[in-house]
Amino acid sequence: MYRTLAQETPFQAAISRDWPALRAQLLLQWNRLTARELDNLGPDHRRIALLVERKYGVHYRLVENYLRNFERTIPLAA
């Protein structure tokens, strides 16, 4: 059975650590994204991944994986 986009994924959808650091990295990594678009989407993996898929053609699941991995590498705030 195929999942629809409305179904939950097995990972946490919201970015839980440092949204400003991830936002800055996304703007550097994917320069077709705008700060306004990211601000409107907020720290939601799925919505960001779908935006990147629409603008770059990278499958949203690959982008979600990138976001999860990057979030794991962000140092915890002191």
PDB file of N, CA and C in Angstrom:
ATOM      1  N   MET A   1       0.844  -1.180   0.000  1.00  0.00           N
ATOM      2  CA  MET A   1       0.000   0.000   0.000  1.00  0.00           C
ATOM      3  C   MET A   1       0.890   1.243   0.000  1.00  0.00           C
ATOM      4  N   TYR A   2       0.510   2.228  -0.784  1.00  0.00           N
ATOM      5  CA  TYR A   2       1.289   3.453  -0.882  1.00  0.00           C
ATOM      6  C   TYR A   2       0.835   4.468   0.153  1.00  0.00           C
ATOM      7  N   ARG A   3       1.785   5.223   0.651  1.00  0.00           N
ATOM      8  CA  ARG A   3       1.474   6.303   1.592  1.00  0.00           C
ATOM      9  C   ARG A   3       1.054   7.538   0.828  1.00  0.00           C
ATOM     10  N   THR A   4       0.155   8.281   1.410  1.00  0.00           N
ATOM     11  CA  THR A   4      -0.178   9.582   0.852  1.00  0.00           C
ATOM     12  C   THR A   4       0.596  10.631   1.628  1.00  0.00           C
ATOM     13  N   LEU A   5       0.695  11.820   1.077  1.00  0.00           N
ATOM     14  CA  LEU A   5       1.444  12.874   1.747  1.00  0.00           C
ATOM     15  C   LEU A   5       0.803  13.274   3.068  1.00  0.00           C
ATOM     16  N   ALA A   6      -0.481  13.019   3.220  1.00  0.00           N
ATOM     17  CA  ALA A   6      -1.161  13.398   4.455  1.00  0.00           C
ATOM     18  C   ALA A   6      -0.860  12.443   5.607  1.00  0.00           C
ATOM     19  N   GLN A   7      -0.370  11.244   5.299  1.00  0.00           N
ATOM     20  CA  GLN A   7      -0.085  10.280   6.353  1.00  0.00           C
ATOM     21  C   GLN A   7       1.181  10.642   7.100  1.00  0.00           C
ATOM     22  N   GLU A   8       1.213  10.258   8.354  1.00  0.00           N
ATOM     23  CA  GLU A   8       2.383  10.547   9.187  1.00  0.00           C
ATOM     24  C   GLU A   8       3.572   9.704   8.741  1.00  0.00           C
ATOM     25  N   THR A   9       4.744  10.249   8.904  1.00  0.00           N
ATOM     26  CA  THR A   9       5.970   9.531   8.623  1.00  0.00           C
ATOM     27  C   THR A   9       6.558   9.072   9.951  1.00  0.00           C
ATOM     28  N   PRO A  10       7.485   8.113   9.944  1.00  0.00           N
ATOM     29  CA  PRO A  10       7.988   7.569  11.201  1.00  0.00           C
ATOM     30  C   PRO A  10       8.924   8.489  11.970  1.00  0.00           C
ATOM     31  N   PHE A  11       9.225   9.663  11.465  1.00  0.00           N
ATOM     32  CA  PHE A  11      10.109  10.572  12.178  1.00  0.00           C
ATOM     33  C   PHE A  11       9.341  11.813  12.597  1.00  0.00           C
ATOM     34  N   GLN A  12       9.934  12.575  13.449  1.00  0.00           N
ATOM     35  CA  GLN A  12       9.312  13.808  13.914  1.00  0.00           C
ATOM     36  C   GLN A  12       9.301  14.823  12.774  1.00  0.00           C
ATOM     37  N   ALA A  13       8.141  15.413  12.512  1.00  0.00           N
ATOM     38  CA  ALA A  13       8.002  16.309  11.363  1.00  0.00           C
ATOM     39  C   ALA A  13       8.629  17.676  11.611  1.00  0.00           C
ATOM     40  N   ALA A  14       8.573  18.161  12.828  1.00  0.00           N
ATOM     41  CA  ALA A  14       9.091  19.493  13.109  1.00  0.00           C
ATOM     42  C   ALA A  14      10.571  19.431  13.476  1.00  0.00           C
ATOM     43  N   ILE A  15      11.278  20.431  13.076  1.00  0.00           N
ATOM     44  CA  ILE A  15      12.689  20.534  13.405  1.00  0.00           C
ATOM     45  C   ILE A  15      12.776  20.977  14.860  1.00  0.00           C
ATOM     46  N   SER A  16      13.487  20.209  15.658  1.00  0.00           N
ATOM     47  CA  SER A  16      13.425  20.433  17.097  1.00  0.00           C
ATOM     48  C   SER A  16      14.628  21.173  17.677  1.00  0.00           C
ATOM     49  N   ARG A  17      15.684  21.286  16.940  1.00  0.00           N
ATOM     50  CA  ARG A  17      16.873  21.910  17.532  1.00  0.00           C
ATOM     51  C   ARG A  17      16.987  23.373  17.174  1.00  0.00           C
ATOM     52  N   ASP A  18      17.846  23.706  16.278  1.00  0.00           N
ATOM     53  CA  ASP A  18      18.169  25.100  15.996  1.00  0.00           C
ATOM     54  C   ASP A  18      17.644  25.497  14.615  1.00  0.00           C
ATOM     55  N   TRP A  19      16.413  25.977  14.572  1.00  0.00           N
ATOM     56  CA  TRP A  19      15.807  26.361  13.304  1.00  0.00           C
ATOM     57  C   TRP A  19      16.588  27.462  12.590  1.00  0.00           C
ATOM     58  N   PRO A  20      17.076  28.522  13.259  1.00  0.00           N
ATOM     59  CA  PRO A  20      17.838  29.552  12.534  1.00  0.00           C
ATOM     60  C   PRO A  20      19.096  28.997  11.843  1.00  0.00           C
ATOM     61  N   ALA A  21      19.785  28.066  12.481  1.00  0.00           N
ATOM     62  CA  ALA A  21      20.990  27.486  11.861  1.00  0.00           C
ATOM     63  C   ALA A  21      20.613  26.651  10.638  1.00  0.00           C
ATOM     64  N   LEU A  22      19.557  25.872  10.752  1.00  0.00           N
ATOM     65  CA  LEU A  22      19.132  25.063   9.616  1.00  0.00           C
ATOM     66  C   LEU A  22      18.617  25.950   8.489  1.00  0.00           C
ATOM     67  N   ARG A  23      17.872  26.990   8.829  1.00  0.00           N
ATOM     68  CA  ARG A  23      17.356  27.930   7.830  1.00  0.00           C
ATOM     69  C   ARG A  23      18.514  28.557   7.046  1.00  0.00           C
ATOM     70  N   ALA A  24      19.540  28.988   7.744  1.00  0.00           N
ATOM     71  CA  ALA A  24      20.706  29.585   7.084  1.00  0.00           C
ATOM     72  C   ALA A  24      21.388  28.571   6.165  1.00  0.00           C
ATOM     73  N   GLN A  25      21.508  27.334   6.620  1.00  0.00           N
ATOM     74  CA  GLN A  25      22.126  26.291   5.802  1.00  0.00           C
ATOM     75  C   GLN A  25      21.292  26.007   4.557  1.00  0.00           C
ATOM     76  N   LEU A  26      19.982  25.974   4.711  1.00  0.00           N
ATOM     77  CA  LEU A  26      19.113  25.734   3.561  1.00  0.00           C
ATOM     78  C   LEU A  26      19.257  26.838   2.521  1.00  0.00           C
ATOM     79  N   LEU A  27      19.367  28.074   2.970  1.00  0.00           N
ATOM     80  CA  LEU A  27      19.522  29.188   2.036  1.00  0.00           C
ATOM     81  C   LEU A  27      20.856  29.119   1.297  1.00  0.00           C
ATOM     82  N   LEU A  28      21.889  28.603   1.969  1.00  0.00           N
ATOM     83  CA  LEU A  28      23.191  28.425   1.304  1.00  0.00           C
ATOM     84  C   LEU A  28      23.169  27.234   0.361  1.00  0.00           C
ATOM     85  N   GLN A  29      22.581  26.144   0.812  1.00  0.00           N
ATOM     86  CA  GLN A  29      22.568  24.891   0.046  1.00  0.00           C
ATOM     87  C   GLN A  29      21.707  25.016  -1.213  1.00  0.00           C
ATOM     88  N   TRP A  30      20.515  25.583  -1.051  1.00  0.00           N
ATOM     89  CA  TRP A  30      19.563  25.685  -2.155  1.00  0.00           C
ATOM     90  C   TRP A  30      19.212  27.153  -2.365  1.00  0.00           C
ATOM     91  N   ASN A  31      19.944  27.796  -3.266  1.00  0.00           N
ATOM     92  CA  ASN A  31      19.788  29.243  -3.439  1.00  0.00           C
ATOM     93  C   ASN A  31      18.517  29.641  -4.181  1.00  0.00           C
ATOM     94  N   ARG A  32      17.754  28.694  -4.699  1.00  0.00           N
ATOM     95  CA  ARG A  32      16.460  29.036  -5.304  1.00  0.00           C
ATOM     96  C   ARG A  32      15.378  29.243  -4.247  1.00  0.00           C
ATOM     97  N   LEU A  33      15.655  28.807  -3.027  1.00  0.00           N
ATOM     98  CA  LEU A  33      14.717  29.050  -1.936  1.00  0.00           C
ATOM     99  C   LEU A  33      14.901  30.473  -1.445  1.00  0.00           C
ATOM    100  N   THR A  34      13.833  31.066  -0.993  1.00  0.00           N
ATOM    101  CA  THR A  34      13.934  32.416  -0.450  1.00  0.00           C
ATOM    102  C   THR A  34      13.701  32.377   1.053  1.00  0.00           C
ATOM    103  N   ALA A  35      14.215  33.378   1.730  1.00  0.00           N
ATOM    104  CA  ALA A  35      14.017  33.475   3.181  1.00  0.00           C
ATOM    105  C   ALA A  35      12.532  33.596   3.496  1.00  0.00           C
ATOM    106  N   ARG A  36      11.799  34.293   2.673  1.00  0.00           N
ATOM    107  CA  ARG A  36      10.359  34.455   2.897  1.00  0.00           C
ATOM    108  C   ARG A  36       9.634  33.113   2.810  1.00  0.00           C
ATOM    109  N   GLU A  37       9.998  32.301   1.819  1.00  0.00           N
ATOM    110  CA  GLU A  37       9.369  30.974   1.699  1.00  0.00           C
ATOM    111  C   GLU A  37       9.642  30.130   2.936  1.00  0.00           C
ATOM    112  N   LEU A  38      10.887  30.118   3.387  1.00  0.00           N
ATOM    113  CA  LEU A  38      11.224  29.320   4.568  1.00  0.00           C
ATOM    114  C   LEU A  38      10.539  29.854   5.814  1.00  0.00           C
ATOM    115  N   ASP A  39      10.439  31.159   5.939  1.00  0.00           N
ATOM    116  CA  ASP A  39       9.741  31.735   7.091  1.00  0.00           C
ATOM    117  C   ASP A  39       8.264  31.370   7.080  1.00  0.00           C
ATOM    118  N   ASN A  40       7.664  31.346   5.893  1.00  0.00           N
ATOM    119  CA  ASN A  40       6.258  30.977   5.785  1.00  0.00           C
ATOM    120  C   ASN A  40       6.028  29.503   6.093  1.00  0.00           C
ATOM    121  N   LEU A  41       6.977  28.652   5.725  1.00  0.00           N
ATOM    122  CA  LEU A  41       6.832  27.219   5.977  1.00  0.00           C
ATOM    123  C   LEU A  41       7.106  26.868   7.432  1.00  0.00           C
ATOM    124  N   GLY A  42       8.062  27.562   8.029  1.00  0.00           N
ATOM    125  CA  GLY A  42       8.442  27.229   9.396  1.00  0.00           C
ATOM    126  C   GLY A  42       9.268  25.948   9.434  1.00  0.00           C
ATOM    127  N   PRO A  43       9.577  25.468  10.633  1.00  0.00           N
ATOM    128  CA  PRO A  43      10.469  24.310  10.783  1.00  0.00           C
ATOM    129  C   PRO A  43       9.739  22.975  10.623  1.00  0.00           C
ATOM    130  N   ASP A  44       9.212  22.722   9.445  1.00  0.00           N
ATOM    131  CA  ASP A  44       8.479  21.486   9.166  1.00  0.00           C
ATOM    132  C   ASP A  44       9.190  20.732   8.043  1.00  0.00           C
ATOM    133  N   HIS A  45       9.741  19.562   8.372  1.00  0.00           N
ATOM    134  CA  HIS A  45      10.492  18.779   7.385  1.00  0.00           C
ATOM    135  C   HIS A  45       9.708  18.556   6.099  1.00  0.00           C
ATOM    136  N   ARG A  46       8.493  18.098   6.246  1.00  0.00           N
ATOM    137  CA  ARG A  46       7.709  17.708   5.072  1.00  0.00           C
ATOM    138  C   ARG A  46       7.467  18.903   4.146  1.00  0.00           C
ATOM    139  N   ARG A  47       7.067  20.022   4.692  1.00  0.00           N
ATOM    140  CA  ARG A  47       6.759  21.183   3.858  1.00  0.00           C
ATOM    141  C   ARG A  47       8.011  21.720   3.167  1.00  0.00           C
ATOM    142  N   ILE A  48       9.124  21.731   3.881  1.00  0.00           N
ATOM    143  CA  ILE A  48      10.387  22.182   3.275  1.00  0.00           C
ATOM    144  C   ILE A  48      10.798  21.218   2.173  1.00  0.00           C
ATOM    145  N   ALA A  49      10.680  19.913   2.443  1.00  0.00           N
ATOM    146  CA  ALA A  49      11.063  18.903   1.460  1.00  0.00           C
ATOM    147  C   ALA A  49      10.222  19.013   0.198  1.00  0.00           C
ATOM    148  N   LEU A  50       8.942  19.267   0.345  1.00  0.00           N
ATOM    149  CA  LEU A  50       8.074  19.408  -0.825  1.00  0.00           C
ATOM    150  C   LEU A  50       8.422  20.664  -1.624  1.00  0.00           C
ATOM    151  N   LEU A  51       8.807  21.724  -0.943  1.00  0.00           N
ATOM    152  CA  LEU A  51       9.229  22.939  -1.639  1.00  0.00           C
ATOM    153  C   LEU A  51      10.509  22.686  -2.443  1.00  0.00           C
ATOM    154  N   VAL A  52      11.474  22.017  -1.830  1.00  0.00           N
ATOM    155  CA  VAL A  52      12.728  21.711  -2.538  1.00  0.00           C
ATOM    156  C   VAL A  52      12.444  20.789  -3.719  1.00  0.00           C
ATOM    157  N   GLU A  53      11.555  19.827  -3.528  1.00  0.00           N
ATOM    158  CA  GLU A  53      11.203  18.931  -4.638  1.00  0.00           C
ATOM    159  C   GLU A  53      10.610  19.733  -5.796  1.00  0.00           C
ATOM    160  N   ARG A  54       9.727  20.673  -5.495  1.00  0.00           N
ATOM    161  CA  ARG A  54       9.096  21.472  -6.535  1.00  0.00           C
ATOM    162  C   ARG A  54      10.107  22.353  -7.272  1.00  0.00           C
ATOM    163  N   LYS A  55      11.064  22.928  -6.536  1.00  0.00           N
ATOM    164  CA  LYS A  55      12.010  23.854  -7.158  1.00  0.00           C
ATOM    165  C   LYS A  55      13.215  23.177  -7.800  1.00  0.00           C
ATOM    166  N   TYR A  56      13.639  22.033  -7.253  1.00  0.00           N
ATOM    167  CA  TYR A  56      14.862  21.389  -7.731  1.00  0.00           C
ATOM    168  C   TYR A  56      14.647  20.019  -8.368  1.00  0.00           C
ATOM    169  N   GLY A  57      13.504  19.413  -8.138  1.00  0.00           N
ATOM    170  CA  GLY A  57      13.257  18.092  -8.699  1.00  0.00           C
ATOM    171  C   GLY A  57      13.873  16.959  -7.888  1.00  0.00           C
ATOM    172  N   VAL A  58      14.363  17.248  -6.692  1.00  0.00           N
ATOM    173  CA  VAL A  58      14.916  16.218  -5.805  1.00  0.00           C
ATOM    174  C   VAL A  58      13.743  15.610  -5.036  1.00  0.00           C
ATOM    175  N   HIS A  59      13.655  14.293  -5.026  1.00  0.00           N
ATOM    176  CA  HIS A  59      12.533  13.637  -4.360  1.00  0.00           C
ATOM    177  C   HIS A  59      12.460  14.070  -2.900  1.00  0.00           C
ATOM    178  N   TYR A  60      11.233  14.322  -2.443  1.00  0.00           N
ATOM    179  CA  TYR A  60      11.052  14.881  -1.101  1.00  0.00           C
ATOM    180  C   TYR A  60      11.595  13.966  -0.009  1.00  0.00           C
ATOM    181  N   ARG A  61      11.590  12.659  -0.204  1.00  0.00           N
ATOM    182  CA  ARG A  61      12.119  11.758   0.829  1.00  0.00           C
ATOM    183  C   ARG A  61      13.634  11.912   0.990  1.00  0.00           C
ATOM    184  N   LEU A  62      14.329  12.173  -0.083  1.00  0.00           N
ATOM    185  CA  LEU A  62      15.769  12.433   0.017  1.00  0.00           C
ATOM    186  C   LEU A  62      16.030  13.721   0.780  1.00  0.00           C
ATOM    187  N   VAL A  63      15.207  14.719   0.538  1.00  0.00           N
ATOM    188  CA  VAL A  63      15.365  15.997   1.237  1.00  0.00           C
ATOM    189  C   VAL A  63      15.045  15.827   2.715  1.00  0.00           C
ATOM    190  N   GLU A  64      13.999  15.074   3.036  1.00  0.00           N
ATOM    191  CA  GLU A  64      13.673  14.809   4.443  1.00  0.00           C
ATOM    192  C   GLU A  64      14.843  14.122   5.143  1.00  0.00           C
ATOM    193  N   ASN A  65      15.461  13.172   4.472  1.00  0.00           N
ATOM    194  CA  ASN A  65      16.619  12.481   5.032  1.00  0.00           C
ATOM    195  C   ASN A  65      17.770  13.460   5.266  1.00  0.00           C
ATOM    196  N   TYR A  66      18.022  14.347   4.301  1.00  0.00           N
ATOM    197  CA  TYR A  66      19.046  15.377   4.450  1.00  0.00           C
ATOM    198  C   TYR A  66      18.764  16.238   5.675  1.00  0.00           C
ATOM    199  N   LEU A  67      17.515  16.667   5.825  1.00  0.00           N
ATOM    200  CA  LEU A  67      17.148  17.522   6.951  1.00  0.00           C
ATOM    201  C   LEU A  67      17.341  16.813   8.286  1.00  0.00           C
ATOM    202  N   ARG A  68      16.928  15.559   8.356  1.00  0.00           N
ATOM    203  CA  ARG A  68      17.109  14.802   9.605  1.00  0.00           C
ATOM    204  C   ARG A  68      18.590  14.645   9.937  1.00  0.00           C
ATOM    205  N   ASN A  69      19.396  14.302   8.946  1.00  0.00           N
ATOM    206  CA  ASN A  69      20.827  14.132   9.185  1.00  0.00           C
ATOM    207  C   ASN A  69      21.496  15.435   9.572  1.00  0.00           C
ATOM    208  N   PHE A  70      21.135  16.516   8.901  1.00  0.00           N
ATOM    209  CA  PHE A  70      21.724  17.801   9.250  1.00  0.00           C
ATOM    210  C   PHE A  70      21.329  18.213  10.658  1.00  0.00           C
ATOM    211  N   GLU A  71      20.072  17.987  11.010  1.00  0.00           N
ATOM    212  CA  GLU A  71      19.609  18.360  12.347  1.00  0.00           C
ATOM    213  C   GLU A  71      20.385  17.608  13.431  1.00  0.00           C
ATOM    214  N   ARG A  72      20.746  16.376  13.165  1.00  0.00           N
ATOM    215  CA  ARG A  72      21.524  15.596  14.139  1.00  0.00           C
ATOM    216  C   ARG A  72      22.923  16.168  14.353  1.00  0.00           C
ATOM    217  N   THR A  73      23.438  16.891  13.368  1.00  0.00           N
ATOM    218  CA  THR A  73      24.805  17.409  13.476  1.00  0.00           C
ATOM    219  C   THR A  73      24.870  18.806  14.068  1.00  0.00           C
ATOM    220  N   ILE A  74      23.715  19.457  14.250  1.00  0.00           N
ATOM    221  CA  ILE A  74      23.701  20.801  14.832  1.00  0.00           C
ATOM    222  C   ILE A  74      24.061  20.676  16.302  1.00  0.00           C
ATOM    223  N   PRO A  75      25.066  21.405  16.771  1.00  0.00           N
ATOM    224  CA  PRO A  75      25.429  21.324  18.195  1.00  0.00           C
ATOM    225  C   PRO A  75      24.302  21.849  19.075  1.00  0.00           C
ATOM    226  N   LEU A  76      24.140  21.247  20.223  1.00  0.00           N
ATOM    227  CA  LEU A  76      23.147  21.712  21.183  1.00  0.00           C
ATOM    228  C   LEU A  76      23.579  23.052  21.751  1.00  0.00           C
ATOM    229  N   ALA A  77      22.620  23.921  21.978  1.00  0.00           N
ATOM    230  CA  ALA A  77      22.928  25.235  22.553  1.00  0.00           C
ATOM    231  C   ALA A  77      23.420  25.079  23.974  1.00  0.00           C
ATOM    232  N   ALA A  78      24.360  25.897  24.363  1.00  0.00           N
ATOM    233  CA  ALA A  78      24.940  25.809  25.708  1.00  0.00           C
ATOM    234  C   ALA A  78      24.044  26.450  26.742  1.00  0.00           C
TER     235      ALA A  78
END
